[in-house]
Amino acid sequence: MIRRAPPDFTLLVLMFFLYLSPFLGAGGGLVFSQNISINTTGAANSSLSMFEILQISNTANYKGLYVLHSGAAAGTGYGVYSSMTGASTTANVAGYFSATGGAANYAGIFENGNVGISITVG
């Protein structure tokens, strides 16, 4: 029987390598021969994803990706920052969210703060 590491351990290993990445590899960075995939199903990652998290769970309030950044930043602090640049032939999308299959579906919930569109933050 093949035993898989629990998801928390897999994330810990990934964080360890990301922490060491400036010190590893030619030119200062981790060198991978394929994309990174974290999952508990053993499924191969998508060839179109650079970093992929796949978690199949029926546990209530389970999060596929949880990011917490706390503390007083000396300037602007970001919990998640996403950017897409380049000369794409159709469109650039920095964030894509979809929710389906539930009794109620919300692609985005913004609990606190303002929602800014076409603004810059200093």
PDB file of N, CA and C in Angstrom:
ATOM      1  N   MET A   1       0.839  -1.173   0.000  1.00  0.00           N
ATOM      2  CA  MET A   1       0.000   0.000   0.000  1.00  0.00           C
ATOM      3  C   MET A   1       0.883   1.235   0.000  1.00  0.00           C
ATOM      4  N   ILE A   2       0.571   2.165  -0.866  1.00  0.00           N
ATOM      5  CA  ILE A   2       1.292   3.435  -0.933  1.00  0.00           C
ATOM      6  C   ILE A   2       0.573   4.436  -0.045  1.00  0.00           C
ATOM      7  N   ARG A   3       1.320   5.057   0.845  1.00  0.00           N
ATOM      8  CA  ARG A   3       0.732   6.064   1.733  1.00  0.00           C
ATOM      9  C   ARG A   3       1.144   7.437   1.251  1.00  0.00           C
ATOM     10  N   ARG A   4       0.209   8.322   1.192  1.00  0.00           N
ATOM     11  CA  ARG A   4       0.480   9.697   0.792  1.00  0.00           C
ATOM     12  C   ARG A   4       0.633  10.555   2.035  1.00  0.00           C
ATOM     13  N   ALA A   5       1.485  11.551   1.933  1.00  0.00           N
ATOM     14  CA  ALA A   5       1.652  12.492   3.036  1.00  0.00           C
ATOM     15  C   ALA A   5       0.397  13.335   3.166  1.00  0.00           C
ATOM     16  N   PRO A   6       0.040  13.720   4.400  1.00  0.00           N
ATOM     17  CA  PRO A   6      -1.120  14.597   4.553  1.00  0.00           C
ATOM     18  C   PRO A   6      -0.896  15.929   3.864  1.00  0.00           C
ATOM     19  N   PRO A   7      -1.971  16.620   3.449  1.00  0.00           N
ATOM     20  CA  PRO A   7      -1.823  17.881   2.712  1.00  0.00           C
ATOM     21  C   PRO A   7      -1.001  18.919   3.462  1.00  0.00           C
ATOM     22  N   ASP A   8      -1.132  18.987   4.793  1.00  0.00           N
ATOM     23  CA  ASP A   8      -0.373  19.977   5.559  1.00  0.00           C
ATOM     24  C   ASP A   8       1.130  19.732   5.433  1.00  0.00           C
ATOM     25  N   PHE A   9       1.547  18.463   5.418  1.00  0.00           N
ATOM     26  CA  PHE A   9       2.957  18.130   5.279  1.00  0.00           C
ATOM     27  C   PHE A   9       3.457  18.507   3.895  1.00  0.00           C
ATOM     28  N   THR A  10       2.642  18.247   2.867  1.00  0.00           N
ATOM     29  CA  THR A  10       3.025  18.600   1.499  1.00  0.00           C
ATOM     30  C   THR A  10       3.232  20.101   1.370  1.00  0.00           C
ATOM     31  N   LEU A  11       2.330  20.885   1.956  1.00  0.00           N
ATOM     32  CA  LEU A  11       2.464  22.334   1.915  1.00  0.00           C
ATOM     33  C   LEU A  11       3.702  22.789   2.673  1.00  0.00           C
ATOM     34  N   LEU A  12       3.999  22.142   3.797  1.00  0.00           N
ATOM     35  CA  LEU A  12       5.194  22.479   4.563  1.00  0.00           C
ATOM     36  C   LEU A  12       6.460  22.240   3.739  1.00  0.00           C
ATOM     37  N   VAL A  13       6.514  21.139   3.020  1.00  0.00           N
ATOM     38  CA  VAL A  13       7.671  20.843   2.168  1.00  0.00           C
ATOM     39  C   VAL A  13       7.802  21.880   1.059  1.00  0.00           C
ATOM     40  N   LEU A  14       6.675  22.249   0.424  1.00  0.00           N
ATOM     41  CA  LEU A  14       6.710  23.269  -0.615  1.00  0.00           C
ATOM     42  C   LEU A  14       7.215  24.592  -0.061  1.00  0.00           C
ATOM     43  N   MET A  15       6.715  24.992   1.116  1.00  0.00           N
ATOM     44  CA  MET A  15       7.153  26.244   1.720  1.00  0.00           C
ATOM     45  C   MET A  15       8.646  26.206   2.035  1.00  0.00           C
ATOM     46  N   PHE A  16       9.161  25.052   2.465  1.00  0.00           N
ATOM     47  CA  PHE A  16      10.582  24.898   2.755  1.00  0.00           C
ATOM     48  C   PHE A  16      11.416  25.145   1.503  1.00  0.00           C
ATOM     49  N   PHE A  17      11.007  24.544   0.381  1.00  0.00           N
ATOM     50  CA  PHE A  17      11.760  24.730  -0.854  1.00  0.00           C
ATOM     51  C   PHE A  17      11.642  26.155  -1.386  1.00  0.00           C
ATOM     52  N   LEU A  18      10.459  26.764  -1.249  1.00  0.00           N
ATOM     53  CA  LEU A  18      10.319  28.149  -1.682  1.00  0.00           C
ATOM     54  C   LEU A  18      11.181  29.073  -0.835  1.00  0.00           C
ATOM     55  N   TYR A  19      11.312  28.772   0.458  1.00  0.00           N
ATOM     56  CA  TYR A  19      12.172  29.558   1.343  1.00  0.00           C
ATOM     57  C   TYR A  19      13.636  29.449   0.915  1.00  0.00           C
ATOM     58  N   LEU A  20      14.051  28.262   0.499  1.00  0.00           N
ATOM     59  CA  LEU A  20      15.438  28.040   0.094  1.00  0.00           C
ATOM     60  C   LEU A  20      15.703  28.408  -1.357  1.00  0.00           C
ATOM     61  N   SER A  21      14.684  28.731  -2.125  1.00  0.00           N
ATOM     62  CA  SER A  21      14.846  28.939  -3.564  1.00  0.00           C
ATOM     63  C   SER A  21      15.916  29.950  -3.951  1.00  0.00           C
ATOM     64  N   PRO A  22      16.147  31.047  -3.188  1.00  0.00           N
ATOM     65  CA  PRO A  22      17.225  31.947  -3.608  1.00  0.00           C
ATOM     66  C   PRO A  22      18.608  31.306  -3.540  1.00  0.00           C
ATOM     67  N   PHE A  23      18.719  30.205  -2.794  1.00  0.00           N
ATOM     68  CA  PHE A  23      20.020  29.579  -2.579  1.00  0.00           C
ATOM     69  C   PHE A  23      20.228  28.334  -3.416  1.00  0.00           C
ATOM     70  N   LEU A  24      19.220  27.897  -4.157  1.00  0.00           N
ATOM     71  CA  LEU A  24      19.306  26.647  -4.908  1.00  0.00           C
ATOM     72  C   LEU A  24      19.241  26.898  -6.407  1.00  0.00           C
ATOM     73  N   GLY A  25      19.793  25.990  -7.168  1.00  0.00           N
ATOM     74  CA  GLY A  25      19.639  26.029  -8.614  1.00  0.00           C
ATOM     75  C   GLY A  25      20.558  27.018  -9.296  1.00  0.00           C
ATOM     76  N   ALA A  26      20.747  26.816 -10.577  1.00  0.00           N
ATOM     77  CA  ALA A  26      21.585  27.709 -11.370  1.00  0.00           C
ATOM     78  C   ALA A  26      20.901  29.049 -11.512  1.00  0.00           C
ATOM     79  N   GLY A  27      21.606  30.098 -11.256  1.00  0.00           N
ATOM     80  CA  GLY A  27      21.035  31.425 -11.385  1.00  0.00           C
ATOM     81  C   GLY A  27      20.195  31.839 -10.192  1.00  0.00           C
ATOM     82  N   GLY A  28      20.211  31.049  -9.112  1.00  0.00           N
ATOM     83  CA  GLY A  28      19.491  31.415  -7.904  1.00  0.00           C
ATOM     84  C   GLY A  28      18.006  31.179  -8.003  1.00  0.00           C
ATOM     85  N   GLY A  29      17.573  29.969  -7.969  1.00  0.00           N
ATOM     86  CA  GLY A  29      16.157  29.650  -7.991  1.00  0.00           C
ATOM     87  C   GLY A  29      15.971  28.163  -8.175  1.00  0.00           C
ATOM     88  N   LEU A  30      14.846  27.643  -7.745  1.00  0.00           N
ATOM     89  CA  LEU A  30      14.571  26.231  -7.919  1.00  0.00           C
ATOM     90  C   LEU A  30      14.392  25.919  -9.399  1.00  0.00           C
ATOM     91  N   VAL A  31      14.882  24.784  -9.798  1.00  0.00           N
ATOM     92  CA  VAL A  31      14.739  24.353 -11.175  1.00  0.00           C
ATOM     93  C   VAL A  31      13.874  23.100 -11.169  1.00  0.00           C
ATOM     94  N   PHE A  32      12.727  23.171 -11.815  1.00  0.00           N
ATOM     95  CA  PHE A  32      11.828  22.030 -11.899  1.00  0.00           C
ATOM     96  C   PHE A  32      11.721  21.599 -13.351  1.00  0.00           C
ATOM     97  N   SER A  33      11.594  20.291 -13.542  1.00  0.00           N
ATOM     98  CA  SER A  33      11.438  19.802 -14.899  1.00  0.00           C
ATOM     99  C   SER A  33       9.973  19.770 -15.316  1.00  0.00           C
ATOM    100  N   GLN A  34       9.075  20.012 -14.366  1.00  0.00           N
ATOM    101  CA  GLN A  34       7.651  20.058 -14.696  1.00  0.00           C
ATOM    102  C   GLN A  34       6.944  21.023 -13.761  1.00  0.00           C
ATOM    103  N   ASN A  35       5.667  21.192 -13.976  1.00  0.00           N
ATOM    104  CA  ASN A  35       4.872  22.099 -13.168  1.00  0.00           C
ATOM    105  C   ASN A  35       4.683  21.527 -11.765  1.00  0.00           C
ATOM    106  N   ILE A  36       4.301  22.381 -10.819  1.00  0.00           N
ATOM    107  CA  ILE A  36       4.115  21.976  -9.434  1.00  0.00           C
ATOM    108  C   ILE A  36       2.656  21.641  -9.213  1.00  0.00           C
ATOM    109  N   SER A  37       2.392  20.497  -8.605  1.00  0.00           N
ATOM    110  CA  SER A  37       1.030  20.080  -8.326  1.00  0.00           C
ATOM    111  C   SER A  37       0.955  19.559  -6.903  1.00  0.00           C
ATOM    112  N   ILE A  38       0.014  20.092  -6.126  1.00  0.00           N
ATOM    113  CA  ILE A  38      -0.237  19.608  -4.777  1.00  0.00           C
ATOM    114  C   ILE A  38      -1.645  19.052  -4.778  1.00  0.00           C
ATOM    115  N   ASN A  39      -1.784  17.767  -4.462  1.00  0.00           N
ATOM    116  CA  ASN A  39      -3.113  17.192  -4.412  1.00  0.00           C
ATOM    117  C   ASN A  39      -3.122  15.975  -3.511  1.00  0.00           C
ATOM    118  N   THR A  40      -4.305  15.558  -3.125  1.00  0.00           N
ATOM    119  CA  THR A  40      -4.449  14.375  -2.282  1.00  0.00           C
ATOM    120  C   THR A  40      -5.063  13.221  -3.047  1.00  0.00           C
ATOM    121  N   THR A  41      -5.240  13.374  -4.354  1.00  0.00           N
ATOM    122  CA  THR A  41      -5.888  12.336  -5.143  1.00  0.00           C
ATOM    123  C   THR A  41      -4.903  11.501  -5.948  1.00  0.00           C
ATOM    124  N   GLY A  42      -3.686  11.984  -6.113  1.00  0.00           N
ATOM    125  CA  GLY A  42      -2.718  11.290  -6.938  1.00  0.00           C
ATOM    126  C   GLY A  42      -2.868  11.598  -8.413  1.00  0.00           C
ATOM    127  N   ALA A  43      -3.785  12.488  -8.759  1.00  0.00           N
ATOM    128  CA  ALA A  43      -4.012  12.843 -10.165  1.00  0.00           C
ATOM    129  C   ALA A  43      -2.848  13.676 -10.694  1.00  0.00           C
ATOM    130  N   ALA A  44      -2.541  13.486 -11.961  1.00  0.00           N
ATOM    131  CA  ALA A  44      -1.502  14.291 -12.604  1.00  0.00           C
ATOM    132  C   ALA A  44      -1.988  15.724 -12.741  1.00  0.00           C
ATOM    133  N   ASN A  45      -1.056  16.660 -12.670  1.00  0.00           N
ATOM    134  CA  ASN A  45      -1.455  18.062 -12.813  1.00  0.00           C
ATOM    135  C   ASN A  45      -1.742  18.402 -14.269  1.00  0.00           C
ATOM    136  N   SER A  46      -2.480  19.482 -14.441  1.00  0.00           N
ATOM    137  CA  SER A  46      -2.816  19.950 -15.775  1.00  0.00           C
ATOM    138  C   SER A  46      -1.557  20.467 -16.461  1.00  0.00           C
ATOM    139  N   SER A  47      -1.395  20.187 -17.712  1.00  0.00           N
ATOM    140  CA  SER A  47      -0.223  20.686 -18.440  1.00  0.00           C
ATOM    141  C   SER A  47      -0.318  22.190 -18.676  1.00  0.00           C
ATOM    142  N   LEU A  48      -1.474  22.782 -18.407  1.00  0.00           N
ATOM    143  CA  LEU A  48      -1.662  24.213 -18.624  1.00  0.00           C
ATOM    144  C   LEU A  48      -1.477  25.026 -17.344  1.00  0.00           C
ATOM    145  N   SER A  49      -1.207  24.375 -16.214  1.00  0.00           N
ATOM    146  CA  SER A  49      -1.077  25.073 -14.938  1.00  0.00           C
ATOM    147  C   SER A  49       0.369  25.060 -14.469  1.00  0.00           C
ATOM    148  N   MET A  50       0.874  26.225 -14.074  1.00  0.00           N
ATOM    149  CA  MET A  50       2.217  26.301 -13.532  1.00  0.00           C
ATOM    150  C   MET A  50       2.234  25.821 -12.087  1.00  0.00           C
ATOM    151  N   PHE A  51       1.218  26.182 -11.334  1.00  0.00           N
ATOM    152  CA  PHE A  51       1.065  25.756  -9.943  1.00  0.00           C
ATOM    153  C   PHE A  51      -0.382  25.373  -9.747  1.00  0.00           C
ATOM    154  N   GLU A  52      -0.628  24.183  -9.253  1.00  0.00           N
ATOM    155  CA  GLU A  52      -1.987  23.674  -9.180  1.00  0.00           C
ATOM    156  C   GLU A  52      -2.239  23.026  -7.825  1.00  0.00           C
ATOM    157  N   ILE A  53      -3.394  23.320  -7.243  1.00  0.00           N
ATOM    158  CA  ILE A  53      -3.823  22.680  -6.006  1.00  0.00           C
ATOM    159  C   ILE A  53      -5.120  21.956  -6.307  1.00  0.00           C
ATOM    160  N   LEU A  54      -5.152  20.668  -6.044  1.00  0.00           N
ATOM    161  CA  LEU A  54      -6.350  19.875  -6.269  1.00  0.00           C
ATOM    162  C   LEU A  54      -6.706  19.193  -4.958  1.00  0.00           C
ATOM    163  N   GLN A  55      -7.839  19.542  -4.387  1.00  0.00           N
ATOM    164  CA  GLN A  55      -8.303  18.953  -3.135  1.00  0.00           C
ATOM    165  C   GLN A  55      -9.766  18.588  -3.291  1.00  0.00           C
ATOM    166  N   ILE A  56     -10.062  17.314  -3.210  1.00  0.00           N
ATOM    167  CA  ILE A  56     -11.449  16.864  -3.268  1.00  0.00           C
ATOM    168  C   ILE A  56     -11.852  16.546  -1.840  1.00  0.00           C
ATOM    169  N   SER A  57     -12.804  17.299  -1.308  1.00  0.00           N
ATOM    170  CA  SER A  57     -13.216  17.129   0.080  1.00  0.00           C
ATOM    171  C   SER A  57     -14.671  17.491   0.227  1.00  0.00           C
ATOM    172  N   ASN A  58     -15.368  16.787   1.099  1.00  0.00           N
ATOM    173  CA  ASN A  58     -16.743  17.148   1.415  1.00  0.00           C
ATOM    174  C   ASN A  58     -16.837  17.727   2.824  1.00  0.00           C
ATOM    175  N   THR A  59     -15.714  18.147   3.376  1.00  0.00           N
ATOM    176  CA  THR A  59     -15.671  18.752   4.698  1.00  0.00           C
ATOM    177  C   THR A  59     -16.149  20.195   4.626  1.00  0.00           C
ATOM    178  N   ALA A  60     -17.049  20.569   5.516  1.00  0.00           N
ATOM    179  CA  ALA A  60     -17.586  21.931   5.531  1.00  0.00           C
ATOM    180  C   ALA A  60     -16.481  22.944   5.819  1.00  0.00           C
ATOM    181  N   ASN A  61     -16.523  24.064   5.138  1.00  0.00           N
ATOM    182  CA  ASN A  61     -15.605  25.195   5.324  1.00  0.00           C
ATOM    183  C   ASN A  61     -14.144  24.861   5.016  1.00  0.00           C
ATOM    184  N   TYR A  62     -13.881  23.794   4.281  1.00  0.00           N
ATOM    185  CA  TYR A  62     -12.521  23.445   3.900  1.00  0.00           C
ATOM    186  C   TYR A  62     -12.054  24.405   2.803  1.00  0.00           C
ATOM    187  N   LYS A  63     -10.812  24.839   2.882  1.00  0.00           N
ATOM    188  CA  LYS A  63     -10.278  25.809   1.925  1.00  0.00           C
ATOM    189  C   LYS A  63      -9.196  25.154   1.079  1.00  0.00           C
ATOM    190  N   GLY A  64      -9.283  25.313  -0.232  1.00  0.00           N
ATOM    191  CA  GLY A  64      -8.249  24.798  -1.122  1.00  0.00           C
ATOM    192  C   GLY A  64      -6.968  25.594  -1.003  1.00  0.00           C
ATOM    193  N   LEU A  65      -7.089  26.880  -0.764  1.00  0.00           N
ATOM    194  CA  LEU A  65      -5.941  27.762  -0.577  1.00  0.00           C
ATOM    195  C   LEU A  65      -6.318  28.797   0.462  1.00  0.00           C
ATOM    196  N   TYR A  66      -5.553  28.873   1.519  1.00  0.00           N
ATOM    197  CA  TYR A  66      -5.806  29.837   2.590  1.00  0.00           C
ATOM    198  C   TYR A  66      -4.561  30.684   2.754  1.00  0.00           C
ATOM    199  N   VAL A  67      -4.714  31.974   2.623  1.00  0.00           N
ATOM    200  CA  VAL A  67      -3.589  32.898   2.745  1.00  0.00           C
ATOM    201  C   VAL A  67      -3.902  33.865   3.878  1.00  0.00           C
ATOM    202  N   LEU A  68      -2.987  34.003   4.815  1.00  0.00           N
ATOM    203  CA  LEU A  68      -3.140  34.947   5.912  1.00  0.00           C
ATOM    204  C   LEU A  68      -1.853  35.745   6.038  1.00  0.00           C
ATOM    205  N   HIS A  69      -1.977  37.039   5.894  1.00  0.00           N
ATOM    206  CA  HIS A  69      -0.840  37.939   6.075  1.00  0.00           C
ATOM    207  C   HIS A  69      -1.264  38.934   7.135  1.00  0.00           C
ATOM    208  N   SER A  70      -0.650  38.861   8.297  1.00  0.00           N
ATOM    209  CA  SER A  70      -1.034  39.764   9.369  1.00  0.00           C
ATOM    210  C   SER A  70       0.181  40.559   9.820  1.00  0.00           C
ATOM    211  N   GLY A  71      -0.078  41.609  10.515  1.00  0.00           N
ATOM    212  CA  GLY A  71       0.997  42.465  10.989  1.00  0.00           C
ATOM    213  C   GLY A  71       0.903  43.829  10.346  1.00  0.00           C
ATOM    214  N   ALA A  72       1.569  44.776  10.956  1.00  0.00           N
ATOM    215  CA  ALA A  72       1.555  46.154  10.460  1.00  0.00           C
ATOM    216  C   ALA A  72       2.651  46.321   9.414  1.00  0.00           C
ATOM    217  N   ALA A  73       2.251  46.406   8.163  1.00  0.00           N
ATOM    218  CA  ALA A  73       3.219  46.597   7.079  1.00  0.00           C
ATOM    219  C   ALA A  73       3.666  48.057   7.053  1.00  0.00           C
ATOM    220  N   ALA A  74       4.915  48.272   6.743  1.00  0.00           N
ATOM    221  CA  ALA A  74       5.436  49.636   6.596  1.00  0.00           C
ATOM    222  C   ALA A  74       5.122  50.110   5.186  1.00  0.00           C
ATOM    223  N   GLY A  75       3.858  50.275   4.893  1.00  0.00           N
ATOM    224  CA  GLY A  75       3.384  50.618   3.559  1.00  0.00           C
ATOM    225  C   GLY A  75       2.146  49.793   3.270  1.00  0.00           C
ATOM    226  N   THR A  76       1.886  49.491   2.030  1.00  0.00           N
ATOM    227  CA  THR A  76       0.725  48.705   1.647  1.00  0.00           C
ATOM    228  C   THR A  76       1.017  47.224   1.828  1.00  0.00           C
ATOM    229  N   GLY A  77       0.120  46.504   2.465  1.00  0.00           N
ATOM    230  CA  GLY A  77       0.250  45.060   2.638  1.00  0.00           C
ATOM    231  C   GLY A  77      -0.782  44.341   1.786  1.00  0.00           C
ATOM    232  N   TYR A  78      -0.428  43.231   1.213  1.00  0.00           N
ATOM    233  CA  TYR A  78      -1.320  42.458   0.354  1.00  0.00           C
ATOM    234  C   TYR A  78      -1.444  41.045   0.898  1.00  0.00           C
ATOM    235  N   GLY A  79      -2.662  40.538   0.950  1.00  0.00           N
ATOM    236  CA  GLY A  79      -2.882  39.139   1.276  1.00  0.00           C
ATOM    237  C   GLY A  79      -2.645  38.273   0.060  1.00  0.00           C
ATOM    238  N   VAL A  80      -3.176  38.681  -1.064  1.00  0.00           N
ATOM    239  CA  VAL A  80      -2.966  38.000  -2.341  1.00  0.00           C
ATOM    240  C   VAL A  80      -2.790  39.077  -3.407  1.00  0.00           C
ATOM    241  N   TYR A  81      -1.800  38.926  -4.229  1.00  0.00           N
ATOM    242  CA  TYR A  81      -1.536  39.884  -5.307  1.00  0.00           C
ATOM    243  C   TYR A  81      -1.360  39.080  -6.591  1.00  0.00           C
ATOM    244  N   SER A  82      -2.137  39.408  -7.588  1.00  0.00           N
ATOM    245  CA  SER A  82      -2.080  38.684  -8.854  1.00  0.00           C
ATOM    246  C   SER A  82      -1.937  39.674  -9.998  1.00  0.00           C
ATOM    247  N   SER A  83      -1.086  39.359 -10.949  1.00  0.00           N
ATOM    248  CA  SER A  83      -0.865  40.233 -12.093  1.00  0.00           C
ATOM    249  C   SER A  83      -0.649  39.382 -13.332  1.00  0.00           C
ATOM    250  N   MET A  84      -1.221  39.798 -14.438  1.00  0.00           N
ATOM    251  CA  MET A  84      -1.013  39.139 -15.728  1.00  0.00           C
ATOM    252  C   MET A  84      -0.585  40.196 -16.729  1.00  0.00           C
ATOM    253  N   THR A  85       0.597  40.038 -17.261  1.00  0.00           N
ATOM    254  CA  THR A  85       1.099  40.988 -18.254  1.00  0.00           C
ATOM    255  C   THR A  85       1.583  40.231 -19.473  1.00  0.00           C
ATOM    256  N   GLY A  86       1.740  40.912 -20.535  1.00  0.00           N
ATOM    257  CA  GLY A  86       2.236  40.290 -21.756  1.00  0.00           C
ATOM    258  C   GLY A  86       1.313  40.569 -22.924  1.00  0.00           C
ATOM    259  N   ALA A  87       1.798  40.320 -24.088  1.00  0.00           N
ATOM    260  CA  ALA A  87       1.059  40.614 -25.317  1.00  0.00           C
ATOM    261  C   ALA A  87       0.225  39.407 -25.731  1.00  0.00           C
ATOM    262  N   SER A  88      -0.761  39.067 -24.926  1.00  0.00           N
ATOM    263  CA  SER A  88      -1.657  37.963 -25.278  1.00  0.00           C
ATOM    264  C   SER A  88      -2.474  38.331 -26.510  1.00  0.00           C
ATOM    265  N   THR A  89      -2.788  37.353 -27.312  1.00  0.00           N
ATOM    266  CA  THR A  89      -3.491  37.646 -28.564  1.00  0.00           C
ATOM    267  C   THR A  89      -4.970  37.912 -28.364  1.00  0.00           C
ATOM    268  N   THR A  90      -5.551  37.499 -27.228  1.00  0.00           N
ATOM    269  CA  THR A  90      -6.975  37.770 -26.993  1.00  0.00           C
ATOM    270  C   THR A  90      -7.194  38.644 -25.768  1.00  0.00           C
ATOM    271  N   ALA A  91      -6.782  38.201 -24.570  1.00  0.00           N
ATOM    272  CA  ALA A  91      -7.028  38.971 -23.351  1.00  0.00           C
ATOM    273  C   ALA A  91      -6.086  38.520 -22.245  1.00  0.00           C
ATOM    274  N   ASN A  92      -5.835  39.400 -21.298  1.00  0.00           N
ATOM    275  CA  ASN A  92      -5.113  39.065 -20.078  1.00  0.00           C
ATOM    276  C   ASN A  92      -6.103  39.086 -18.921  1.00  0.00           C
ATOM    277  N   VAL A  93      -6.083  38.071 -18.077  1.00  0.00           N
ATOM    278  CA  VAL A  93      -6.971  37.983 -16.929  1.00  0.00           C
ATOM    279  C   VAL A  93      -6.115  37.711 -15.700  1.00  0.00           C
ATOM    280  N   ALA A  94      -6.101  38.641 -14.746  1.00  0.00           N
ATOM    281  CA  ALA A  94      -5.288  38.475 -13.539  1.00  0.00           C
ATOM    282  C   ALA A  94      -5.979  37.605 -12.500  1.00  0.00           C
ATOM    283  N   GLY A  95      -7.284  37.535 -12.530  1.00  0.00           N
ATOM    284  CA  GLY A  95      -8.010  36.691 -11.587  1.00  0.00           C
ATOM    285  C   GLY A  95      -9.286  36.173 -12.196  1.00  0.00           C
ATOM    286  N   TYR A  96      -9.506  34.886 -12.049  1.00  0.00           N
ATOM    287  CA  TYR A  96     -10.721  34.270 -12.583  1.00  0.00           C
ATOM    288  C   TYR A  96     -11.323  33.433 -11.465  1.00  0.00           C
ATOM    289  N   PHE A  97     -12.577  33.685 -11.147  1.00  0.00           N
ATOM    290  CA  PHE A  97     -13.232  32.998 -10.045  1.00  0.00           C
ATOM    291  C   PHE A  97     -14.562  32.444 -10.524  1.00  0.00           C
ATOM    292  N   SER A  98     -14.882  31.245 -10.108  1.00  0.00           N
ATOM    293  CA  SER A  98     -16.124  30.608 -10.505  1.00  0.00           C
ATOM    294  C   SER A  98     -16.656  29.781  -9.341  1.00  0.00           C
ATOM    295  N   ALA A  99     -17.954  29.817  -9.130  1.00  0.00           N
ATOM    296  CA  ALA A  99     -18.592  29.012  -8.092  1.00  0.00           C
ATOM    297  C   ALA A  99     -19.856  28.403  -8.679  1.00  0.00           C
ATOM    298  N   THR A 100     -19.952  27.073  -8.635  1.00  0.00           N
ATOM    299  CA  THR A 100     -21.124  26.390  -9.181  1.00  0.00           C
ATOM    300  C   THR A 100     -21.490  25.212  -8.287  1.00  0.00           C
ATOM    301  N   GLY A 101     -22.695  24.739  -8.438  1.00  0.00           N
ATOM    302  CA  GLY A 101     -23.103  23.493  -7.804  1.00  0.00           C
ATOM    303  C   GLY A 101     -23.688  23.609  -6.414  1.00  0.00           C
ATOM    304  N   GLY A 102     -23.649  24.773  -5.799  1.00  0.00           N
ATOM    305  CA  GLY A 102     -24.184  24.921  -4.448  1.00  0.00           C
ATOM    306  C   GLY A 102     -25.606  25.449  -4.459  1.00  0.00           C
ATOM    307  N   ALA A 103     -26.224  25.472  -3.288  1.00  0.00           N
ATOM    308  CA  ALA A 103     -27.555  26.057  -3.173  1.00  0.00           C
ATOM    309  C   ALA A 103     -27.494  27.558  -3.484  1.00  0.00           C
ATOM    310  N   ALA A 104     -26.377  28.192  -3.123  1.00  0.00           N
ATOM    311  CA  ALA A 104     -26.098  29.588  -3.489  1.00  0.00           C
ATOM    312  C   ALA A 104     -24.641  29.645  -3.923  1.00  0.00           C
ATOM    313  N   ASN A 105     -24.345  30.364  -4.979  1.00  0.00           N
ATOM    314  CA  ASN A 105     -22.992  30.410  -5.527  1.00  0.00           C
ATOM    315  C   ASN A 105     -22.512  31.852  -5.622  1.00  0.00           C
ATOM    316  N   TYR A 106     -21.351  32.134  -5.079  1.00  0.00           N
ATOM    317  CA  TYR A 106     -20.754  33.470  -5.101  1.00  0.00           C
ATOM    318  C   TYR A 106     -19.332  33.350  -5.623  1.00  0.00           C
ATOM    319  N   ALA A 107     -19.025  33.969  -6.725  1.00  0.00           N
ATOM    320  CA  ALA A 107     -17.669  33.942  -7.260  1.00  0.00           C
ATOM    321  C   ALA A 107     -16.738  34.818  -6.433  1.00  0.00           C
ATOM    322  N   GLY A 108     -17.275  35.772  -5.705  1.00  0.00           N
ATOM    323  CA  GLY A 108     -16.458  36.603  -4.835  1.00  0.00           C
ATOM    324  C   GLY A 108     -17.279  37.181  -3.701  1.00  0.00           C
ATOM    325  N   ILE A 109     -16.733  37.128  -2.505  1.00  0.00           N
ATOM    326  CA  ILE A 109     -17.339  37.773  -1.345  1.00  0.00           C
ATOM    327  C   ILE A 109     -16.282  38.679  -0.754  1.00  0.00           C
ATOM    328  N   PHE A 110     -16.617  39.931  -0.580  1.00  0.00           N
ATOM    329  CA  PHE A 110     -15.691  40.914  -0.038  1.00  0.00           C
ATOM    330  C   PHE A 110     -16.243  41.351   1.315  1.00  0.00           C
ATOM    331  N   GLU A 111     -15.724  40.744   2.380  1.00  0.00           N
ATOM    332  CA  GLU A 111     -16.286  40.939   3.713  1.00  0.00           C
ATOM    333  C   GLU A 111     -16.051  42.339   4.262  1.00  0.00           C
ATOM    334  N   ASN A 112     -14.860  42.861   4.108  1.00  0.00           N
ATOM    335  CA  ASN A 112     -14.529  44.172   4.662  1.00  0.00           C
ATOM    336  C   ASN A 112     -13.755  44.989   3.651  1.00  0.00           C
ATOM    337  N   GLY A 113     -13.805  46.292   3.802  1.00  0.00           N
ATOM    338  CA  GLY A 113     -13.015  47.174   2.958  1.00  0.00           C
ATOM    339  C   GLY A 113     -13.736  47.580   1.681  1.00  0.00           C
ATOM    340  N   ASN A 114     -13.054  48.347   0.887  1.00  0.00           N
ATOM    341  CA  ASN A 114     -13.597  48.848  -0.367  1.00  0.00           C
ATOM    342  C   ASN A 114     -13.183  47.954  -1.521  1.00  0.00           C
ATOM    343  N   VAL A 115     -13.921  48.013  -2.591  1.00  0.00           N
ATOM    344  CA  VAL A 115     -13.562  47.324  -3.828  1.00  0.00           C
ATOM    345  C   VAL A 115     -13.154  48.405  -4.820  1.00  0.00           C
ATOM    346  N   GLY A 116     -11.901  48.379  -5.239  1.00  0.00           N
ATOM    347  CA  GLY A 116     -11.403  49.411  -6.157  1.00  0.00           C
ATOM    348  C   GLY A 116     -11.275  48.885  -7.568  1.00  0.00           C
ATOM    349  N   ILE A 117     -11.782  49.634  -8.504  1.00  0.00           N
ATOM    350  CA  ILE A 117     -11.661  49.282  -9.919  1.00  0.00           C
ATOM    351  C   ILE A 117     -10.968  50.430 -10.626  1.00  0.00           C
ATOM    352  N   SER A 118      -9.893  50.123 -11.309  1.00  0.00           N
ATOM    353  CA  SER A 118      -9.076  51.113 -12.028  1.00  0.00           C
ATOM    354  C   SER A 118      -8.517  52.184 -11.102  1.00  0.00           C
ATOM    355  N   ILE A 119      -8.044  51.753  -9.933  1.00  0.00           N
ATOM    356  CA  ILE A 119      -7.386  52.681  -9.010  1.00  0.00           C
ATOM    357  C   ILE A 119      -5.989  52.149  -8.700  1.00  0.00           C
ATOM    358  N   THR A 120      -5.134  52.994  -8.199  1.00  0.00           N
ATOM    359  CA  THR A 120      -3.815  52.570  -7.723  1.00  0.00           C
ATOM    360  C   THR A 120      -3.715  52.883  -6.245  1.00  0.00           C
ATOM    361  N   VAL A 121      -2.980  52.050  -5.553  1.00  0.00           N
ATOM    362  CA  VAL A 121      -2.791  52.209  -4.123  1.00  0.00           C
ATOM    363  C   VAL A 121      -1.313  52.464  -3.894  1.00  0.00           C
ATOM    364  N   GLY A 122      -0.997  53.528  -3.163  1.00  0.00           N
ATOM    365  CA  GLY A 122       0.400  53.889  -2.917  1.00  0.00           C
ATOM    366  C   GLY A 122       1.050  53.139  -1.828  1.00  0.00           C
TER     367      GLY A 122
END
